[in-house]
Amino acid sequence: IDRVAVTWPTTGMVTVLRDVPANSTIVIHEGRDEYLVLD
């Protein structure tokens, strides 16, 4: 996936992720520009 943009509700903070693997489940934490891929 080229781009995932996450806009968080209270702060309006935007997290942008690039080159996310397809066919995966990911966990995104507010305030971090990284993600965790679940096995």
PDB file of all heavy atoms in Angstrom:
ATOM      1  N   ILE A   1       0.870  -1.171   0.000  1.00  0.00           N
ATOM      2  CA  ILE A   1       0.000   0.000   0.000  1.00  0.00           C
ATOM      3  C   ILE A   1       0.911   1.227   0.000  1.00  0.00           C
ATOM      4  O   ILE A   1       1.811   1.341   0.838  1.00  0.00           O
ATOM      5  CB  ILE A   1      -0.905   0.021   1.252  1.00  0.00           C
ATOM      6  CG1 ILE A   1      -1.640  -1.303   1.410  1.00  0.00           C
ATOM      7  CG2 ILE A   1      -1.855   1.191   1.217  1.00  0.00           C
ATOM      8  CD1 ILE A   1      -2.412  -1.763   0.212  1.00  0.00           C
ATOM      9  N   ASP A   2       0.704   2.141  -0.940  1.00  0.00           N
ATOM     10  CA  ASP A   2       1.563   3.308  -1.051  1.00  0.00           C
ATOM     11  C   ASP A   2       1.475   4.200   0.177  1.00  0.00           C
ATOM     12  O   ASP A   2       2.486   4.585   0.751  1.00  0.00           O
ATOM     13  CB  ASP A   2       1.210   4.113  -2.306  1.00  0.00           C
ATOM     14  CG  ASP A   2       2.074   5.344  -2.468  1.00  0.00           C
ATOM     15  OD1 ASP A   2       3.304   5.212  -2.329  1.00  0.00           O
ATOM     16  OD2 ASP A   2       1.533   6.423  -2.728  1.00  0.00           O
ATOM     17  N   ARG A   3       0.251   4.510   0.613  1.00  0.00           N
ATOM     18  CA  ARG A   3       0.096   5.502   1.686  1.00  0.00           C
ATOM     19  C   ARG A   3      -1.116   5.190   2.548  1.00  0.00           C
ATOM     20  O   ARG A   3      -2.196   4.911   2.045  1.00  0.00           O
ATOM     21  CB  ARG A   3      -0.084   6.874   1.047  1.00  0.00           C
ATOM     22  CG  ARG A   3      -0.252   8.016   2.003  1.00  0.00           C
ATOM     23  CD  ARG A   3      -0.349   9.336   1.214  1.00  0.00           C
ATOM     24  NE  ARG A   3      -0.472  10.460   2.093  1.00  0.00           N
ATOM     25  CZ  ARG A   3      -1.627  10.976   2.508  1.00  0.00           C
ATOM     26  NH1 ARG A   3      -2.766  10.454   2.085  1.00  0.00           N
ATOM     27  NH2 ARG A   3      -1.654  12.005   3.321  1.00  0.00           N
ATOM     28  N   VAL A   4      -0.908   5.247   3.858  1.00  0.00           N
ATOM     29  CA  VAL A   4      -1.993   5.168   4.831  1.00  0.00           C
ATOM     30  C   VAL A   4      -1.907   6.434   5.669  1.00  0.00           C
ATOM     31  O   VAL A   4      -0.878   6.698   6.292  1.00  0.00           O
ATOM     32  CB  VAL A   4      -1.872   3.924   5.744  1.00  0.00           C
ATOM     33  CG1 VAL A   4      -2.950   3.929   6.814  1.00  0.00           C
ATOM     34  CG2 VAL A   4      -1.917   2.637   4.938  1.00  0.00           C
ATOM     35  N   ALA A   5      -2.969   7.238   5.662  1.00  0.00           N
ATOM     36  CA  ALA A   5      -3.017   8.454   6.477  1.00  0.00           C
ATOM     37  C   ALA A   5      -4.074   8.274   7.553  1.00  0.00           C
ATOM     38  O   ALA A   5      -5.202   7.897   7.262  1.00  0.00           O
ATOM     39  CB  ALA A   5      -3.329   9.666   5.620  1.00  0.00           C
ATOM     40  N   VAL A   6      -3.686   8.532   8.796  1.00  0.00           N
ATOM     41  CA  VAL A   6      -4.562   8.363   9.941  1.00  0.00           C
ATOM     42  C   VAL A   6      -4.729   9.727  10.612  1.00  0.00           C
ATOM     43  O   VAL A   6      -3.737  10.338  11.015  1.00  0.00           O
ATOM     44  CB  VAL A   6      -3.953   7.366  10.953  1.00  0.00           C
ATOM     45  CG1 VAL A   6      -4.853   7.185  12.146  1.00  0.00           C
ATOM     46  CG2 VAL A   6      -3.642   6.039  10.287  1.00  0.00           C
ATOM     47  N   THR A   7      -5.968  10.206  10.723  1.00  0.00           N
ATOM     48  CA  THR A   7      -6.232  11.457  11.435  1.00  0.00           C
ATOM     49  C   THR A   7      -6.918  11.104  12.749  1.00  0.00           C
ATOM     50  O   THR A   7      -8.025  10.558  12.755  1.00  0.00           O
ATOM     51  CB  THR A   7      -7.127  12.398  10.603  1.00  0.00           C
ATOM     52  OG1 THR A   7      -6.512  12.621   9.333  1.00  0.00           O
ATOM     53  CG2 THR A   7      -7.315  13.733  11.311  1.00  0.00           C
ATOM     54  N   TRP A   8      -6.249  11.401  13.860  1.00  0.00           N
ATOM     55  CA  TRP A   8      -6.738  11.030  15.182  1.00  0.00           C
ATOM     56  C   TRP A   8      -7.815  12.011  15.637  1.00  0.00           C
ATOM     57  O   TRP A   8      -7.715  13.211  15.393  1.00  0.00           O
ATOM     58  CB  TRP A   8      -5.573  10.961  16.166  1.00  0.00           C
ATOM     59  CG  TRP A   8      -4.591   9.912  15.760  1.00  0.00           C
ATOM     60  CD1 TRP A   8      -3.490  10.069  14.969  1.00  0.00           C
ATOM     61  CD2 TRP A   8      -4.671   8.527  16.049  1.00  0.00           C
ATOM     62  NE1 TRP A   8      -2.875   8.862  14.763  1.00  0.00           N
ATOM     63  CE2 TRP A   8      -3.573   7.898  15.422  1.00  0.00           C
ATOM     64  CE3 TRP A   8      -5.554   7.743  16.780  1.00  0.00           C
ATOM     65  CZ2 TRP A   8      -3.343   6.530  15.508  1.00  0.00           C
ATOM     66  CZ3 TRP A   8      -5.314   6.370  16.878  1.00  0.00           C
ATOM     67  CH2 TRP A   8      -4.217   5.790  16.240  1.00  0.00           C
ATOM     68  N   PRO A   9      -8.872  11.526  16.328  1.00  0.00           N
ATOM     69  CA  PRO A   9     -10.067  12.333  16.565  1.00  0.00           C
ATOM     70  C   PRO A   9      -9.907  13.564  17.469  1.00  0.00           C
ATOM     71  O   PRO A   9     -10.391  14.617  17.125  1.00  0.00           O
ATOM     72  CB  PRO A   9     -11.062  11.347  17.168  1.00  0.00           C
ATOM     73  CG  PRO A   9     -10.252  10.235  17.693  1.00  0.00           C
ATOM     74  CD  PRO A   9      -9.016  10.174  16.845  1.00  0.00           C
ATOM     75  N   THR A  10      -9.281  13.463  18.594  1.00  0.00           N
ATOM     76  CA  THR A  10      -9.250  14.583  19.529  1.00  0.00           C
ATOM     77  C   THR A  10      -8.172  15.600  19.190  1.00  0.00           C
ATOM     78  O   THR A  10      -8.417  16.801  19.190  1.00  0.00           O
ATOM     79  CB  THR A  10      -9.039  14.081  20.973  1.00  0.00           C
ATOM     80  OG1 THR A  10     -10.104  13.189  21.284  1.00  0.00           O
ATOM     81  CG2 THR A  10      -9.053  15.215  21.962  1.00  0.00           C
ATOM     82  N   THR A  11      -6.999  15.118  18.855  1.00  0.00           N
ATOM     83  CA  THR A  11      -5.867  16.022  18.619  1.00  0.00           C
ATOM     84  C   THR A  11      -5.790  16.523  17.190  1.00  0.00           C
ATOM     85  O   THR A  11      -5.166  17.533  16.929  1.00  0.00           O
ATOM     86  CB  THR A  11      -4.541  15.320  18.941  1.00  0.00           C
ATOM     87  OG1 THR A  11      -4.388  14.197  18.048  1.00  0.00           O
ATOM     88  CG2 THR A  11      -4.489  14.850  20.381  1.00  0.00           C
ATOM     89  N   GLY A  12      -6.372  15.777  16.236  1.00  0.00           N
ATOM     90  CA  GLY A  12      -6.233  16.117  14.830  1.00  0.00           C
ATOM     91  C   GLY A  12      -4.871  15.750  14.278  1.00  0.00           C
ATOM     92  O   GLY A  12      -4.551  16.029  13.123  1.00  0.00           O
ATOM     93  N   MET A  13      -4.050  15.094  15.095  1.00  0.00           N
ATOM     94  CA  MET A  13      -2.720  14.652  14.676  1.00  0.00           C
ATOM     95  C   MET A  13      -2.858  13.692  13.501  1.00  0.00           C
ATOM     96  O   MET A  13      -3.770  12.861  13.477  1.00  0.00           O
ATOM     97  CB  MET A  13      -2.009  13.956  15.835  1.00  0.00           C
ATOM     98  CG  MET A  13      -0.613  13.470  15.520  1.00  0.00           C
ATOM     99  SD  MET A  13       0.122  12.536  16.888  1.00  0.00           S
ATOM    100  CE  MET A  13      -0.036  13.688  18.225  1.00  0.00           C
ATOM    101  N   VAL A  14      -1.970  13.808  12.520  1.00  0.00           N
ATOM    102  CA  VAL A  14      -2.003  12.937  11.346  1.00  0.00           C
ATOM    103  C   VAL A  14      -0.767  12.050  11.349  1.00  0.00           C
ATOM    104  O   VAL A  14       0.358  12.539  11.460  1.00  0.00           O
ATOM    105  CB  VAL A  14      -2.072  13.754  10.042  1.00  0.00           C
ATOM    106  CG1 VAL A  14      -2.059  12.824   8.832  1.00  0.00           C
ATOM    107  CG2 VAL A  14      -3.314  14.634  10.026  1.00  0.00           C
ATOM    108  N   THR A  15      -0.974  10.757  11.229  1.00  0.00           N
ATOM    109  CA  THR A  15       0.103   9.783  11.087  1.00  0.00           C
ATOM    110  C   THR A  15       0.075   9.305   9.643  1.00  0.00           C
ATOM    111  O   THR A  15      -0.975   8.886   9.157  1.00  0.00           O
ATOM    112  CB  THR A  15      -0.119   8.579  12.029  1.00  0.00           C
ATOM    113  OG1 THR A  15      -0.200   9.040  13.377  1.00  0.00           O
ATOM    114  CG2 THR A  15       0.987   7.560  11.895  1.00  0.00           C
ATOM    115  N   VAL A  16       1.212   9.381   8.950  1.00  0.00           N
ATOM    116  CA  VAL A  16       1.295   8.926   7.565  1.00  0.00           C
ATOM    117  C   VAL A  16       2.285   7.768   7.496  1.00  0.00           C
ATOM    118  O   VAL A  16       3.429   7.888   7.935  1.00  0.00           O
ATOM    119  CB  VAL A  16       1.732  10.053   6.609  1.00  0.00           C
ATOM    120  CG1 VAL A  16       1.876   9.523   5.191  1.00  0.00           C
ATOM    121  CG2 VAL A  16       0.731  11.196   6.642  1.00  0.00           C
ATOM    122  N   LEU A  17       1.829   6.652   6.950  1.00  0.00           N
ATOM    123  CA  LEU A  17       2.657   5.463   6.779  1.00  0.00           C
ATOM    124  C   LEU A  17       2.844   5.218   5.290  1.00  0.00           C
ATOM    125  O   LEU A  17       1.926   5.415   4.502  1.00  0.00           O
ATOM    126  CB  LEU A  17       1.993   4.252   7.422  1.00  0.00           C
ATOM    127  CG  LEU A  17       1.568   4.411   8.884  1.00  0.00           C
ATOM    128  CD1 LEU A  17       0.756   3.219   9.327  1.00  0.00           C
ATOM    129  CD2 LEU A  17       2.781   4.619   9.776  1.00  0.00           C
ATOM    130  N   ARG A  18       4.019   4.758   4.894  1.00  0.00           N
ATOM    131  CA  ARG A  18       4.329   4.473   3.489  1.00  0.00           C
ATOM    132  C   ARG A  18       4.730   3.017   3.322  1.00  0.00           C
ATOM    133  O   ARG A  18       5.293   2.401   4.227  1.00  0.00           O
ATOM    134  CB  ARG A  18       5.489   5.357   3.014  1.00  0.00           C
ATOM    135  CG  ARG A  18       5.178   6.828   2.984  1.00  0.00           C
ATOM    136  CD  ARG A  18       4.283   7.126   1.831  1.00  0.00           C
ATOM    137  NE  ARG A  18       4.187   8.549   1.593  1.00  0.00           N
ATOM    138  CZ  ARG A  18       3.552   9.066   0.588  1.00  0.00           C
ATOM    139  NH1 ARG A  18       2.981   8.294  -0.287  1.00  0.00           N
ATOM    140  NH2 ARG A  18       3.461  10.356   0.438  1.00  0.00           N
ATOM    141  N   ASP A  19       4.467   2.478   2.130  1.00  0.00           N
ATOM    142  CA  ASP A  19       4.870   1.113   1.766  1.00  0.00           C
ATOM    143  C   ASP A  19       4.456   0.078   2.809  1.00  0.00           C
ATOM    144  O   ASP A  19       5.255  -0.714   3.272  1.00  0.00           O
ATOM    145  CB  ASP A  19       6.377   1.046   1.507  1.00  0.00           C
ATOM    146  CG  ASP A  19       6.778   1.912   0.332  1.00  0.00           C
ATOM    147  OD1 ASP A  19       6.028   1.925  -0.665  1.00  0.00           O
ATOM    148  OD2 ASP A  19       7.825   2.581   0.410  1.00  0.00           O
ATOM    149  N   VAL A  20       3.192   0.074   3.140  1.00  0.00           N
ATOM    150  CA  VAL A  20       2.635  -0.887   4.090  1.00  0.00           C
ATOM    151  C   VAL A  20       2.353  -2.186   3.335  1.00  0.00           C
ATOM    152  O   VAL A  20       1.798  -2.154   2.236  1.00  0.00           O
ATOM    153  CB  VAL A  20       1.331  -0.320   4.712  1.00  0.00           C
ATOM    154  CG1 VAL A  20       0.688  -1.329   5.634  1.00  0.00           C
ATOM    155  CG2 VAL A  20       1.624   0.996   5.435  1.00  0.00           C
ATOM    156  N   PRO A  21       2.734  -3.345   3.878  1.00  0.00           N
ATOM    157  CA  PRO A  21       2.504  -4.596   3.155  1.00  0.00           C
ATOM    158  C   PRO A  21       1.016  -4.900   2.983  1.00  0.00           C
ATOM    159  O   PRO A  21       0.226  -4.701   3.906  1.00  0.00           O
ATOM    160  CB  PRO A  21       3.182  -5.656   4.038  1.00  0.00           C
ATOM    161  CG  PRO A  21       3.313  -5.036   5.375  1.00  0.00           C
ATOM    162  CD  PRO A  21       3.383  -3.558   5.171  1.00  0.00           C
ATOM    163  N   ALA A  22       0.655  -5.357   1.790  1.00  0.00           N
ATOM    164  CA  ALA A  22      -0.726  -5.770   1.523  1.00  0.00           C
ATOM    165  C   ALA A  22      -0.989  -7.106   2.218  1.00  0.00           C
ATOM    166  O   ALA A  22      -0.067  -7.793   2.655  1.00  0.00           O
ATOM    167  CB  ALA A  22      -0.941  -5.898   0.018  1.00  0.00           C
ATOM    168  N   ASN A  23      -2.244  -7.480   2.314  1.00  0.00           N
ATOM    169  CA  ASN A  23      -2.654  -8.755   2.922  1.00  0.00           C
ATOM    170  C   ASN A  23      -2.109  -8.920   4.332  1.00  0.00           C
ATOM    171  O   ASN A  23      -1.610  -9.984   4.700  1.00  0.00           O
ATOM    172  CB  ASN A  23      -2.221  -9.941   2.052  1.00  0.00           C
ATOM    173  CG  ASN A  23      -2.882  -9.911   0.705  1.00  0.00           C
ATOM    174  OD1 ASN A  23      -4.076  -9.629   0.608  1.00  0.00           O
ATOM    175  ND2 ASN A  23      -2.121 -10.141  -0.337  1.00  0.00           N
ATOM    176  N   SER A  24      -2.166  -7.858   5.104  1.00  0.00           N
ATOM    177  CA  SER A  24      -1.672  -7.920   6.478  1.00  0.00           C
ATOM    178  C   SER A  24      -2.606  -7.143   7.394  1.00  0.00           C
ATOM    179  O   SER A  24      -3.364  -6.290   6.957  1.00  0.00           O
ATOM    180  CB  SER A  24      -0.258  -7.362   6.571  1.00  0.00           C
ATOM    181  OG  SER A  24      -0.232  -6.003   6.189  1.00  0.00           O
ATOM    182  N   THR A  25      -2.536  -7.478   8.659  1.00  0.00           N
ATOM    183  CA  THR A  25      -3.239  -6.730   9.686  1.00  0.00           C
ATOM    184  C   THR A  25      -2.193  -5.936  10.438  1.00  0.00           C
ATOM    185  O   THR A  25      -1.195  -6.498  10.895  1.00  0.00           O
ATOM    186  CB  THR A  25      -3.983  -7.675  10.649  1.00  0.00           C
ATOM    187  OG1 THR A  25      -4.927  -8.443   9.897  1.00  0.00           O
ATOM    188  CG2 THR A  25      -4.715  -6.907  11.728  1.00  0.00           C
ATOM    189  N   ILE A  26      -2.409  -4.626  10.545  1.00  0.00           N
ATOM    190  CA  ILE A  26      -1.429  -3.790  11.230  1.00  0.00           C
ATOM    191  C   ILE A  26      -2.073  -3.075  12.413  1.00  0.00           C
ATOM    192  O   ILE A  26      -3.283  -2.881  12.448  1.00  0.00           O
ATOM    193  CB  ILE A  26      -0.782  -2.756  10.284  1.00  0.00           C
ATOM    194  CG1 ILE A  26      -1.807  -1.756   9.754  1.00  0.00           C
ATOM    195  CG2 ILE A  26      -0.062  -3.459   9.136  1.00  0.00           C
ATOM    196  CD1 ILE A  26      -1.196  -0.596   8.985  1.00  0.00           C
ATOM    197  N   VAL A  27      -1.244  -2.709  13.385  1.00  0.00           N
ATOM    198  CA  VAL A  27      -1.678  -1.932  14.538  1.00  0.00           C
ATOM    199  C   VAL A  27      -0.940  -0.601  14.472  1.00  0.00           C
ATOM    200  O   VAL A  27       0.292  -0.572  14.340  1.00  0.00           O
ATOM    201  CB  VAL A  27      -1.356  -2.650  15.864  1.00  0.00           C
ATOM    202  CG1 VAL A  27      -1.752  -1.792  17.052  1.00  0.00           C
ATOM    203  CG2 VAL A  27      -2.048  -3.995  15.918  1.00  0.00           C
ATOM    204  N   ILE A  28      -1.697   0.493  14.552  1.00  0.00           N
ATOM    205  CA  ILE A  28      -1.123   1.828  14.477  1.00  0.00           C
ATOM    206  C   ILE A  28      -1.359   2.516  15.817  1.00  0.00           C
ATOM    207  O   ILE A  28      -2.476   2.536  16.324  1.00  0.00           O
ATOM    208  CB  ILE A  28      -1.780   2.647  13.351  1.00  0.00           C
ATOM    209  CG1 ILE A  28      -1.667   1.901  12.017  1.00  0.00           C
ATOM    210  CG2 ILE A  28      -1.157   4.032  13.256  1.00  0.00           C
ATOM    211  CD1 ILE A  28      -2.523   2.486  10.913  1.00  0.00           C
ATOM    212  N   HIS A  29      -0.303   3.086  16.386  1.00  0.00           N
ATOM    213  CA  HIS A  29      -0.393   3.815  17.649  1.00  0.00           C
ATOM    214  C   HIS A  29      -0.377   5.314  17.385  1.00  0.00           C
ATOM    215  O   HIS A  29       0.437   5.799  16.591  1.00  0.00           O
ATOM    216  CB  HIS A  29       0.796   3.467  18.560  1.00  0.00           C
ATOM    217  CG  HIS A  29       0.714   2.107  19.149  1.00  0.00           C
ATOM    218  ND1 HIS A  29       0.251   1.875  20.421  1.00  0.00           N
ATOM    219  CD2 HIS A  29       1.030   0.901  18.647  1.00  0.00           C
ATOM    220  CE1 HIS A  29       0.296   0.588  20.672  1.00  0.00           C
ATOM    221  NE2 HIS A  29       0.758  -0.037  19.608  1.00  0.00           N
ATOM    222  N   GLU A  30      -1.243   6.029  18.064  1.00  0.00           N
ATOM    223  CA  GLU A  30      -1.276   7.482  17.945  1.00  0.00           C
ATOM    224  C   GLU A  30       0.073   8.074  18.358  1.00  0.00           C
ATOM    225  O   GLU A  30       0.671   7.666  19.348  1.00  0.00           O
ATOM    226  CB  GLU A  30      -2.381   8.044  18.840  1.00  0.00           C
ATOM    227  CG  GLU A  30      -2.547   9.540  18.747  1.00  0.00           C
ATOM    228  CD  GLU A  30      -3.681  10.060  19.593  1.00  0.00           C
ATOM    229  OE1 GLU A  30      -4.249   9.300  20.400  1.00  0.00           O
ATOM    230  OE2 GLU A  30      -3.999  11.243  19.438  1.00  0.00           O
ATOM    231  N   GLY A  31       0.561   9.013  17.569  1.00  0.00           N
ATOM    232  CA  GLY A  31       1.818   9.689  17.893  1.00  0.00           C
ATOM    233  C   GLY A  31       3.068   8.985  17.415  1.00  0.00           C
ATOM    234  O   GLY A  31       4.177   9.444  17.639  1.00  0.00           O
ATOM    235  N   ARG A  32       2.912   7.858  16.721  1.00  0.00           N
ATOM    236  CA  ARG A  32       4.069   7.125  16.206  1.00  0.00           C
ATOM    237  C   ARG A  32       3.950   6.983  14.693  1.00  0.00           C
ATOM    238  O   ARG A  32       2.889   6.652  14.193  1.00  0.00           O
ATOM    239  CB  ARG A  32       4.163   5.733  16.823  1.00  0.00           C
ATOM    240  CG  ARG A  32       4.286   5.744  18.319  1.00  0.00           C
ATOM    241  CD  ARG A  32       4.433   4.332  18.834  1.00  0.00           C
ATOM    242  NE  ARG A  32       4.106   4.278  20.249  1.00  0.00           N
ATOM    243  CZ  ARG A  32       3.931   3.167  20.912  1.00  0.00           C
ATOM    244  NH1 ARG A  32       4.036   2.001  20.302  1.00  0.00           N
ATOM    245  NH2 ARG A  32       3.638   3.192  22.187  1.00  0.00           N
ATOM    246  N   ASP A  33       5.013   7.195  13.981  1.00  0.00           N
ATOM    247  CA  ASP A  33       5.018   7.038  12.516  1.00  0.00           C
ATOM    248  C   ASP A  33       5.527   5.648  12.145  1.00  0.00           C
ATOM    249  O   ASP A  33       6.378   5.505  11.281  1.00  0.00           O
ATOM    250  CB  ASP A  33       5.879   8.122  11.862  1.00  0.00           C
ATOM    251  CG  ASP A  33       5.235   9.487  11.950  1.00  0.00           C
ATOM    252  OD1 ASP A  33       3.987   9.546  11.981  1.00  0.00           O
ATOM    253  OD2 ASP A  33       5.958  10.480  12.011  1.00  0.00           O
ATOM    254  N   GLU A  34       5.011   4.662  12.826  1.00  0.00           N
ATOM    255  CA  GLU A  34       5.369   3.273  12.573  1.00  0.00           C
ATOM    256  C   GLU A  34       4.150   2.415  12.866  1.00  0.00           C
ATOM    257  O   GLU A  34       3.160   2.896  13.398  1.00  0.00           O
ATOM    258  CB  GLU A  34       6.556   2.863  13.443  1.00  0.00           C
ATOM    259  CG  GLU A  34       6.250   2.977  14.931  1.00  0.00           C
ATOM    260  CD  GLU A  34       7.460   2.761  15.809  1.00  0.00           C
ATOM    261  OE1 GLU A  34       8.585   2.843  15.306  1.00  0.00           O
ATOM    262  OE2 GLU A  34       7.272   2.493  16.997  1.00  0.00           O
ATOM    263  N   TYR A  35       4.239   1.162  12.523  1.00  0.00           N
ATOM    264  CA  TYR A  35       3.120   0.252  12.748  1.00  0.00           C
ATOM    265  C   TYR A  35       3.660  -1.118  13.099  1.00  0.00           C
ATOM    266  O   TYR A  35       4.828  -1.434  12.845  1.00  0.00           O
ATOM    267  CB  TYR A  35       2.209   0.174  11.522  1.00  0.00           C
ATOM    268  CG  TYR A  35       2.929  -0.227  10.262  1.00  0.00           C
ATOM    269  CD1 TYR A  35       3.057  -1.563   9.909  1.00  0.00           C
ATOM    270  CD2 TYR A  35       3.498   0.736   9.430  1.00  0.00           C
ATOM    271  CE1 TYR A  35       3.742  -1.931   8.762  1.00  0.00           C
ATOM    272  CE2 TYR A  35       4.176   0.380   8.278  1.00  0.00           C
ATOM    273  CZ  TYR A  35       4.283  -0.956   7.955  1.00  0.00           C
ATOM    274  OH  TYR A  35       4.957  -1.329   6.818  1.00  0.00           O
ATOM    275  N   LEU A  36       2.815  -1.950  13.653  1.00  0.00           N
ATOM    276  CA  LEU A  36       3.144  -3.324  14.011  1.00  0.00           C
ATOM    277  C   LEU A  36       2.342  -4.238  13.102  1.00  0.00           C
ATOM    278  O   LEU A  36       1.125  -4.086  12.997  1.00  0.00           O
ATOM    279  CB  LEU A  36       2.792  -3.589  15.473  1.00  0.00           C
ATOM    280  CG  LEU A  36       2.884  -5.019  15.959  1.00  0.00           C
ATOM    281  CD1 LEU A  36       4.341  -5.479  15.968  1.00  0.00           C
ATOM    282  CD2 LEU A  36       2.279  -5.157  17.337  1.00  0.00           C
ATOM    283  N   VAL A  37       3.000  -5.164  12.402  1.00  0.00           N
ATOM    284  CA  VAL A  37       2.319  -6.138  11.557  1.00  0.00           C
ATOM    285  C   VAL A  37       2.046  -7.366  12.416  1.00  0.00           C
ATOM    286  O   VAL A  37       2.956  -7.941  13.004  1.00  0.00           O
ATOM    287  CB  VAL A  37       3.171  -6.529  10.324  1.00  0.00           C
ATOM    288  CG1 VAL A  37       2.466  -7.600   9.503  1.00  0.00           C
ATOM    289  CG2 VAL A  37       3.491  -5.316   9.483  1.00  0.00           C
ATOM    290  N   LEU A  38       0.770  -7.754  12.513  1.00  0.00           N
ATOM    291  CA  LEU A  38       0.398  -8.929  13.283  1.00  0.00           C
ATOM    292  C   LEU A  38       0.635 -10.190  12.455  1.00  0.00           C
ATOM    293  O   LEU A  38       0.323 -10.224  11.267  1.00  0.00           O
ATOM    294  CB  LEU A  38      -1.064  -8.850  13.701  1.00  0.00           C
ATOM    295  CG  LEU A  38      -1.435  -7.671  14.588  1.00  0.00           C
ATOM    296  CD1 LEU A  38      -2.919  -7.729  14.923  1.00  0.00           C
ATOM    297  CD2 LEU A  38      -0.608  -7.652  15.850  1.00  0.00           C
ATOM    298  N   ASP A  39       1.159 -11.212  13.084  1.00  0.00           N
ATOM    299  CA  ASP A  39       1.405 -12.494  12.425  1.00  0.00           C
ATOM    300  C   ASP A  39       0.060 -13.174  12.185  1.00  0.00           C
ATOM    301  O   ASP A  39      -0.698 -13.379  13.125  1.00  0.00           O
ATOM    302  CB  ASP A  39       2.286 -13.358  13.313  1.00  0.00           C
ATOM    303  CG  ASP A  39       2.689 -14.656  12.660  1.00  0.00           C
ATOM    304  OD1 ASP A  39       2.360 -14.869  11.476  1.00  0.00           O
ATOM    305  OD2 ASP A  39       3.340 -15.479  13.306  1.00  0.00           O
TER     306      ASP A  39
END
